[in-house]
Amino acid sequence: MDERLTHGLTERLNADAQRIARRFSLRYREIAAERANVKRRYGVCFADGSIRIRLRHTLTGRSLKYSSLVNTLCHELAHLRHFNHGLRFRSFYRELLEYARREGIYRPGPAPVARERRVEPQVLGERTSPRADCIQLSLF
């Protein structure tokens, strides 16, 4: 990922973070891109109010979907009020995410529709294995 793209994503996240934080009276120090060598987390919120968000996929280096970045942003902003993952944190995180959705900041793609699979009667000598189609969340 080049420096221009990183800067652009960080600027956009900062603008969206300001809108969300203002609405919920949250104060943070900065929103910054996570270091490229961090692979075990999508974001982190420090006690001083600094938030770092991983912008790229660890294997491909491609940018993550903006909706995934906003989801992480809301998660980390929720830590400004609740520095744990308890019930109050989860409730507040959902509230932030729903606000971001209503404001058009968080726009995840439509949920995949599970396809119905018709299982034909087994014909002699033919093996069939009825299984549900697998659906995977796409982050980039």
C-alpha atoms as a PDB file:
ATOM      1  CA  MET A   1       0.000   0.000   0.000  1.00  0.00           C
ATOM      2  CA  ASP A   2       1.481   3.324  -0.968  1.00  0.00           C
ATOM      3  CA  GLU A   3       1.811   6.370   1.260  1.00  0.00           C
ATOM      4  CA  ARG A   4      -0.921   8.348  -0.543  1.00  0.00           C
ATOM      5  CA  LEU A   5      -3.510   5.628   0.002  1.00  0.00           C
ATOM      6  CA  THR A   6      -2.519   5.252   3.665  1.00  0.00           C
ATOM      7  CA  HIS A   7      -2.777   9.009   4.172  1.00  0.00           C
ATOM      8  CA  GLY A   8      -6.152   9.162   2.413  1.00  0.00           C
ATOM      9  CA  LEU A   9      -7.641   6.346   4.486  1.00  0.00           C
ATOM     10  CA  THR A  10      -6.296   7.835   7.707  1.00  0.00           C
ATOM     11  CA  GLU A  11      -7.750  11.258   6.851  1.00  0.00           C
ATOM     12  CA  ARG A  12     -11.134   9.740   6.055  1.00  0.00           C
ATOM     13  CA  LEU A  13     -11.121   7.706   9.292  1.00  0.00           C
ATOM     14  CA  ASN A  14     -10.213  10.833  11.259  1.00  0.00           C
ATOM     15  CA  ALA A  15     -13.103  12.797   9.754  1.00  0.00           C
ATOM     16  CA  ASP A  16     -15.553   9.991  10.511  1.00  0.00           C
ATOM     17  CA  ALA A  17     -14.119   9.515  14.009  1.00  0.00           C
ATOM     18  CA  GLN A  18     -14.671  13.211  14.730  1.00  0.00           C
ATOM     19  CA  ARG A  19     -18.348  12.957  13.756  1.00  0.00           C
ATOM     20  CA  ILE A  20     -18.911   9.862  15.887  1.00  0.00           C
ATOM     21  CA  ALA A  21     -16.890  11.146  18.859  1.00  0.00           C
ATOM     22  CA  ARG A  22     -18.672  14.516  18.827  1.00  0.00           C
ATOM     23  CA  ARG A  23     -22.092  12.802  18.873  1.00  0.00           C
ATOM     24  CA  PHE A  24     -21.162  10.652  21.898  1.00  0.00           C
ATOM     25  CA  SER A  25     -18.931  13.180  23.708  1.00  0.00           C
ATOM     26  CA  LEU A  26     -15.843  11.009  23.318  1.00  0.00           C
ATOM     27  CA  ARG A  27     -12.331  12.431  23.411  1.00  0.00           C
ATOM     28  CA  TYR A  28      -9.393  10.781  21.688  1.00  0.00           C
ATOM     29  CA  ARG A  29      -5.869  11.954  21.001  1.00  0.00           C
ATOM     30  CA  GLU A  30      -5.342  10.642  17.468  1.00  0.00           C
ATOM     31  CA  ILE A  31      -6.401   8.065  14.912  1.00  0.00           C
ATOM     32  CA  ALA A  32      -3.378   6.625  13.118  1.00  0.00           C
ATOM     33  CA  ALA A  33      -2.500   3.712  10.843  1.00  0.00           C
ATOM     34  CA  GLU A  34      -1.143   0.677  12.676  1.00  0.00           C
ATOM     35  CA  ARG A  35       2.435  -0.302  11.943  1.00  0.00           C
ATOM     36  CA  ALA A  36       2.791  -2.622   8.936  1.00  0.00           C
ATOM     37  CA  ASN A  37       4.394  -5.411  10.978  1.00  0.00           C
ATOM     38  CA  VAL A  38       1.383  -5.748  13.360  1.00  0.00           C
ATOM     39  CA  LYS A  39      -0.581  -8.816  12.314  1.00  0.00           C
ATOM     40  CA  ARG A  40      -2.445 -10.019  15.413  1.00  0.00           C
ATOM     41  CA  ARG A  41      -5.054  -7.286  15.774  1.00  0.00           C
ATOM     42  CA  TYR A  42      -7.176  -4.950  13.671  1.00  0.00           C
ATOM     43  CA  GLY A  43      -7.001  -2.037  16.060  1.00  0.00           C
ATOM     44  CA  VAL A  44      -5.881  -0.885  19.473  1.00  0.00           C
ATOM     45  CA  CYS A  45      -6.909   1.905  21.845  1.00  0.00           C
ATOM     46  CA  PHE A  46      -4.327   3.144  24.323  1.00  0.00           C
ATOM     47  CA  ALA A  47      -5.078   4.696  27.716  1.00  0.00           C
ATOM     48  CA  ASP A  48      -3.852   8.101  26.455  1.00  0.00           C
ATOM     49  CA  GLY A  49      -6.617   8.140  23.804  1.00  0.00           C
ATOM     50  CA  SER A  50      -4.425   7.166  20.851  1.00  0.00           C
ATOM     51  CA  ILE A  51      -6.087   4.742  18.445  1.00  0.00           C
ATOM     52  CA  ARG A  52      -4.310   2.726  15.776  1.00  0.00           C
ATOM     53  CA  ILE A  53      -6.109   0.824  13.030  1.00  0.00           C
ATOM     54  CA  ARG A  54      -4.620  -1.749  10.687  1.00  0.00           C
ATOM     55  CA  LEU A  55      -5.400  -0.640   7.140  1.00  0.00           C
ATOM     56  CA  ARG A  56      -4.174  -3.598   5.129  1.00  0.00           C
ATOM     57  CA  HIS A  57      -4.604  -7.326   4.883  1.00  0.00           C
ATOM     58  CA  THR A  58      -1.677  -9.140   6.500  1.00  0.00           C
ATOM     59  CA  LEU A  59      -1.111 -11.595   3.634  1.00  0.00           C
ATOM     60  CA  THR A  60      -1.884  -9.569   0.516  1.00  0.00           C
ATOM     61  CA  GLY A  61      -1.017  -6.073   1.723  1.00  0.00           C
ATOM     62  CA  ARG A  62      -4.187  -4.819   0.024  1.00  0.00           C
ATOM     63  CA  SER A  63      -6.397  -2.279   1.732  1.00  0.00           C
ATOM     64  CA  LEU A  64      -9.192  -3.671   3.894  1.00  0.00           C
ATOM     65  CA  LYS A  65     -12.753  -2.665   2.997  1.00  0.00           C
ATOM     66  CA  TYR A  66     -13.642   0.718   4.406  1.00  0.00           C
ATOM     67  CA  SER A  67     -16.653  -0.786   6.190  1.00  0.00           C
ATOM     68  CA  SER A  68     -14.256  -3.098   8.063  1.00  0.00           C
ATOM     69  CA  LEU A  69     -12.092  -0.127   9.020  1.00  0.00           C
ATOM     70  CA  VAL A  70     -15.136   1.768  10.348  1.00  0.00           C
ATOM     71  CA  ASN A  71     -16.231  -1.305  12.299  1.00  0.00           C
ATOM     72  CA  THR A  72     -12.787  -1.408  13.927  1.00  0.00           C
ATOM     73  CA  LEU A  73     -12.905   2.347  14.499  1.00  0.00           C
ATOM     74  CA  CYS A  74     -16.223   2.052  16.364  1.00  0.00           C
ATOM     75  CA  HIS A  75     -14.834  -0.820  18.429  1.00  0.00           C
ATOM     76  CA  GLU A  76     -11.809   1.236  19.467  1.00  0.00           C
ATOM     77  CA  LEU A  77     -13.878   4.377  20.119  1.00  0.00           C
ATOM     78  CA  ALA A  78     -16.090   2.322  22.449  1.00  0.00           C
ATOM     79  CA  HIS A  79     -12.954   1.555  24.465  1.00  0.00           C
ATOM     80  CA  LEU A  80     -12.659   5.251  25.273  1.00  0.00           C
ATOM     81  CA  ARG A  81     -15.682   4.816  27.538  1.00  0.00           C
ATOM     82  CA  HIS A  82     -15.304   1.156  28.552  1.00  0.00           C
ATOM     83  CA  PHE A  83     -11.753  -0.161  28.592  1.00  0.00           C
ATOM     84  CA  ASN A  84     -12.827  -3.821  28.516  1.00  0.00           C
ATOM     85  CA  HIS A  85     -15.102  -6.125  26.514  1.00  0.00           C
ATOM     86  CA  GLY A  86     -17.931  -6.384  29.049  1.00  0.00           C
ATOM     87  CA  LEU A  87     -21.671  -6.006  28.489  1.00  0.00           C
ATOM     88  CA  ARG A  88     -21.639  -2.207  28.718  1.00  0.00           C
ATOM     89  CA  PHE A  89     -18.780  -2.061  26.198  1.00  0.00           C
ATOM     90  CA  ARG A  90     -20.608  -4.333  23.736  1.00  0.00           C
ATOM     91  CA  SER A  91     -23.823  -2.361  24.078  1.00  0.00           C
ATOM     92  CA  PHE A  92     -22.033   0.948  23.518  1.00  0.00           C
ATOM     93  CA  TYR A  93     -20.051  -0.463  20.578  1.00  0.00           C
ATOM     94  CA  ARG A  94     -23.325  -1.547  18.915  1.00  0.00           C
ATOM     95  CA  GLU A  95     -24.753   1.921  19.566  1.00  0.00           C
ATOM     96  CA  LEU A  96     -21.745   3.568  17.885  1.00  0.00           C
ATOM     97  CA  LEU A  97     -21.952   1.193  14.937  1.00  0.00           C
ATOM     98  CA  GLU A  98     -25.674   1.787  14.506  1.00  0.00           C
ATOM     99  CA  TYR A  99     -25.146   5.560  14.584  1.00  0.00           C
ATOM    100  CA  ALA A 100     -22.398   5.212  11.967  1.00  0.00           C
ATOM    101  CA  ARG A 101     -24.766   3.122   9.832  1.00  0.00           C
ATOM    102  CA  ARG A 102     -27.583   5.693  10.099  1.00  0.00           C
ATOM    103  CA  GLU A 103     -25.193   8.502   9.178  1.00  0.00           C
ATOM    104  CA  GLY A 104     -23.882   6.609   6.142  1.00  0.00           C
ATOM    105  CA  ILE A 105     -20.401   6.218   7.613  1.00  0.00           C
ATOM    106  CA  TYR A 106     -20.665   2.459   8.092  1.00  0.00           C
ATOM    107  CA  ARG A 107     -21.942   0.772   4.939  1.00  0.00           C
ATOM    108  CA  PRO A 108     -21.321  -2.945   5.024  1.00  0.00           C
ATOM    109  CA  GLY A 109     -22.311  -4.892   1.953  1.00  0.00           C
ATOM    110  CA  PRO A 110     -25.613  -6.733   1.969  1.00  0.00           C
ATOM    111  CA  ALA A 111     -25.612  -9.945   3.946  1.00  0.00           C
ATOM    112  CA  PRO A 112     -25.027 -12.961   1.704  1.00  0.00           C
ATOM    113  CA  VAL A 113     -28.188 -14.901   1.045  1.00  0.00           C
ATOM    114  CA  ALA A 114     -27.882 -18.596   1.769  1.00  0.00           C
ATOM    115  CA  ARG A 115     -28.794 -20.573  -1.299  1.00  0.00           C
ATOM    116  CA  GLU A 116     -31.135 -23.484  -0.987  1.00  0.00           C
ATOM    117  CA  ARG A 117     -29.565 -26.724  -2.100  1.00  0.00           C
ATOM    118  CA  ARG A 118     -31.812 -29.400  -3.477  1.00  0.00           C
ATOM    119  CA  VAL A 119     -30.660 -32.917  -2.811  1.00  0.00           C
ATOM    120  CA  GLU A 120     -31.619 -35.330  -5.567  1.00  0.00           C
ATOM    121  CA  PRO A 121     -32.358 -38.934  -4.719  1.00  0.00           C
ATOM    122  CA  GLN A 122     -29.201 -41.001  -4.910  1.00  0.00           C
ATOM    123  CA  VAL A 123     -28.710 -42.825  -8.170  1.00  0.00           C
ATOM    124  CA  LEU A 124     -27.117 -46.257  -7.961  1.00  0.00           C
ATOM    125  CA  GLY A 125     -23.345 -45.901  -7.969  1.00  0.00           C
ATOM    126  CA  GLU A 126     -23.416 -42.118  -7.535  1.00  0.00           C
ATOM    127  CA  ARG A 127     -22.396 -40.497  -4.276  1.00  0.00           C
ATOM    128  CA  THR A 128     -23.898 -37.254  -3.120  1.00  0.00           C
ATOM    129  CA  SER A 129     -22.989 -35.319  -0.057  1.00  0.00           C
ATOM    130  CA  PRO A 130     -25.665 -32.883   1.094  1.00  0.00           C
ATOM    131  CA  ARG A 131     -23.961 -29.922   2.750  1.00  0.00           C
ATOM    132  CA  ALA A 132     -24.792 -26.280   3.150  1.00  0.00           C
ATOM    133  CA  ASP A 133     -22.892 -23.855   0.953  1.00  0.00           C
ATOM    134  CA  CYS A 134     -20.173 -22.137   2.945  1.00  0.00           C
ATOM    135  CA  ILE A 135     -20.327 -18.371   3.251  1.00  0.00           C
ATOM    136  CA  GLN A 136     -17.261 -16.393   4.301  1.00  0.00           C
ATOM    137  CA  LEU A 137     -17.012 -12.777   5.403  1.00  0.00           C
ATOM    138  CA  SER A 138     -14.883 -10.775   3.004  1.00  0.00           C
ATOM    139  CA  LEU A 139     -12.716  -8.099   4.633  1.00  0.00           C
ATOM    140  CA  PHE A 140     -11.052  -6.643   1.550  1.00  0.00           C
END
